[in-house]
Amino acid sequence: MRMHIACGFWARLKGLTGCTLWPDEVLVLIPCRAIHTFTMREPIDVAFVDQDGWVIEALQGLPPGRHRSCRGAVATLERLSHGGGEAWFEAGERIDLGRRTS
């Protein structure tokens, strides 16, 4: 799975709106603990991740016009929903976001 990072204010604000991703690509919003789908036309899949890479909450098919937040999340992964047929993250799963420590 290929991940695209959105870490600047405007990139995170824009999110998936107007973003073109292939089906196996995910947008990673860092830092991010809340998202909205107000400008979306299609449902999205969302995974909220804590600072250690653990998925706190995962949602599939979040419809347009919604807002979600997750206490403890430092990153959010998003993709256009594929109708539930594609594998997605689950709560309790660990994700390597390539975080480096010194």
Protein backbone atom coordinates (compact mmCIF):
# COMPACT_ATOMS: atom_id res chain seq x y z
CA MET A 1 0.00 0.00 0.00
CA ARG A 2 1.36 3.38 -0.97
CA MET A 3 0.84 6.27 1.47
CA HIS A 4 0.75 9.96 0.59
CA ILE A 5 1.53 12.30 3.49
CA ALA A 6 -0.38 15.53 4.10
CA CYS A 7 1.34 17.36 6.95
CA GLY A 8 0.88 21.04 6.09
CA PHE A 9 -2.20 22.96 7.22
CA TRP A 10 -3.64 23.45 3.71
CA ALA A 11 -2.90 19.89 2.62
CA ARG A 12 -4.65 18.51 5.71
CA LEU A 13 -7.57 20.91 5.30
CA LYS A 14 -7.99 19.83 1.69
CA GLY A 15 -7.74 16.12 2.57
CA LEU A 16 -9.19 13.85 -0.09
CA THR A 17 -11.16 16.67 -1.72
CA GLY A 18 -9.79 16.97 -5.22
CA CYS A 19 -7.09 14.42 -4.45
CA THR A 20 -6.57 11.62 -6.96
CA LEU A 21 -5.51 8.32 -5.44
CA TRP A 22 -5.27 4.86 -6.95
CA PRO A 23 -7.33 2.16 -5.19
CA ASP A 24 -4.26 0.88 -3.30
CA GLU A 25 -3.21 4.35 -2.08
CA VAL A 26 -3.98 6.04 1.24
CA LEU A 27 -3.77 9.67 2.34
CA VAL A 28 -2.11 10.12 5.77
CA LEU A 29 -2.99 13.32 7.63
CA ILE A 30 -0.40 14.22 10.30
CA PRO A 31 -1.15 15.64 12.83
CA CYS A 32 -4.86 14.91 12.75
CA ARG A 33 -7.45 13.66 15.23
CA ALA A 34 -10.63 14.91 13.53
CA ILE A 35 -11.93 14.75 9.97
CA HIS A 36 -15.02 15.80 8.04
CA THR A 37 -16.63 14.68 4.81
CA PHE A 38 -18.64 17.84 4.12
CA THR A 39 -17.16 18.44 0.65
CA MET A 40 -16.96 14.77 -0.34
CA ARG A 41 -19.18 13.21 -2.97
CA GLU A 42 -18.39 9.62 -2.05
CA PRO A 43 -17.99 7.69 1.21
CA ILE A 44 -14.50 7.27 2.63
CA ASP A 45 -12.69 4.77 4.82
CA VAL A 46 -10.93 6.25 7.84
CA ALA A 47 -8.45 4.94 10.41
CA PHE A 48 -7.37 6.98 13.44
CA VAL A 49 -3.85 6.09 14.66
CA ASP A 50 -2.09 6.89 17.95
CA GLN A 51 1.52 8.02 18.42
CA ASP A 52 2.78 4.43 18.60
CA GLY A 53 1.09 3.39 15.34
CA TRP A 54 -1.90 1.57 16.85
CA VAL A 55 -5.25 1.95 15.11
CA ILE A 56 -7.64 3.34 17.71
CA GLU A 57 -10.73 3.42 15.51
CA ALA A 58 -11.42 2.32 11.94
CA LEU A 59 -14.47 3.18 9.86
CA GLN A 60 -15.55 2.04 6.42
CA GLY A 61 -18.02 3.83 4.20
CA LEU A 62 -18.26 7.09 6.19
CA PRO A 63 -20.81 9.03 4.11
CA PRO A 64 -20.53 12.66 2.96
CA GLY A 65 -21.62 15.38 5.38
CA ARG A 66 -20.17 13.82 8.53
CA HIS A 67 -17.62 14.79 11.18
CA ARG A 68 -15.58 12.32 13.26
CA SER A 69 -12.92 12.80 15.88
CA CYS A 70 -10.89 10.39 17.97
CA ARG A 71 -9.27 11.18 21.29
CA GLY A 72 -5.64 10.09 21.35
CA ALA A 73 -5.20 10.03 17.58
CA VAL A 74 -2.17 11.78 16.08
CA ALA A 75 -2.69 10.67 12.48
CA THR A 76 -5.61 9.78 10.27
CA LEU A 77 -5.56 7.53 7.22
CA GLU A 78 -8.16 8.08 4.50
CA ARG A 79 -9.11 6.55 1.18
CA LEU A 80 -12.15 6.55 -1.04
CA SER A 81 -14.39 3.72 0.06
CA HIS A 82 -14.49 0.68 -2.19
CA GLY A 83 -17.88 -0.53 -0.97
CA GLY A 84 -16.52 -2.65 1.85
CA GLY A 85 -15.02 -5.26 -0.46
CA GLU A 86 -11.40 -4.20 0.02
CA ALA A 87 -9.44 -4.93 3.18
CA TRP A 88 -9.09 -1.98 5.55
CA PHE A 89 -7.46 -1.42 8.91
CA GLU A 90 -9.03 -2.64 12.14
CA ALA A 91 -8.88 -1.26 15.68
CA GLY A 92 -5.91 -2.81 17.50
CA GLU A 93 -3.83 -3.23 14.35
CA ARG A 94 -0.36 -1.67 14.27
CA ILE A 95 0.77 0.46 11.33
CA ASP A 96 4.31 1.50 10.50
CA LEU A 97 4.14 5.12 9.40
CA GLY A 98 7.88 5.31 9.00
CA ARG A 99 8.33 7.33 12.19
CA ARG A 100 11.96 7.76 13.07
CA THR A 101 13.30 8.24 16.57
CA SER A 102 16.66 9.70 17.47
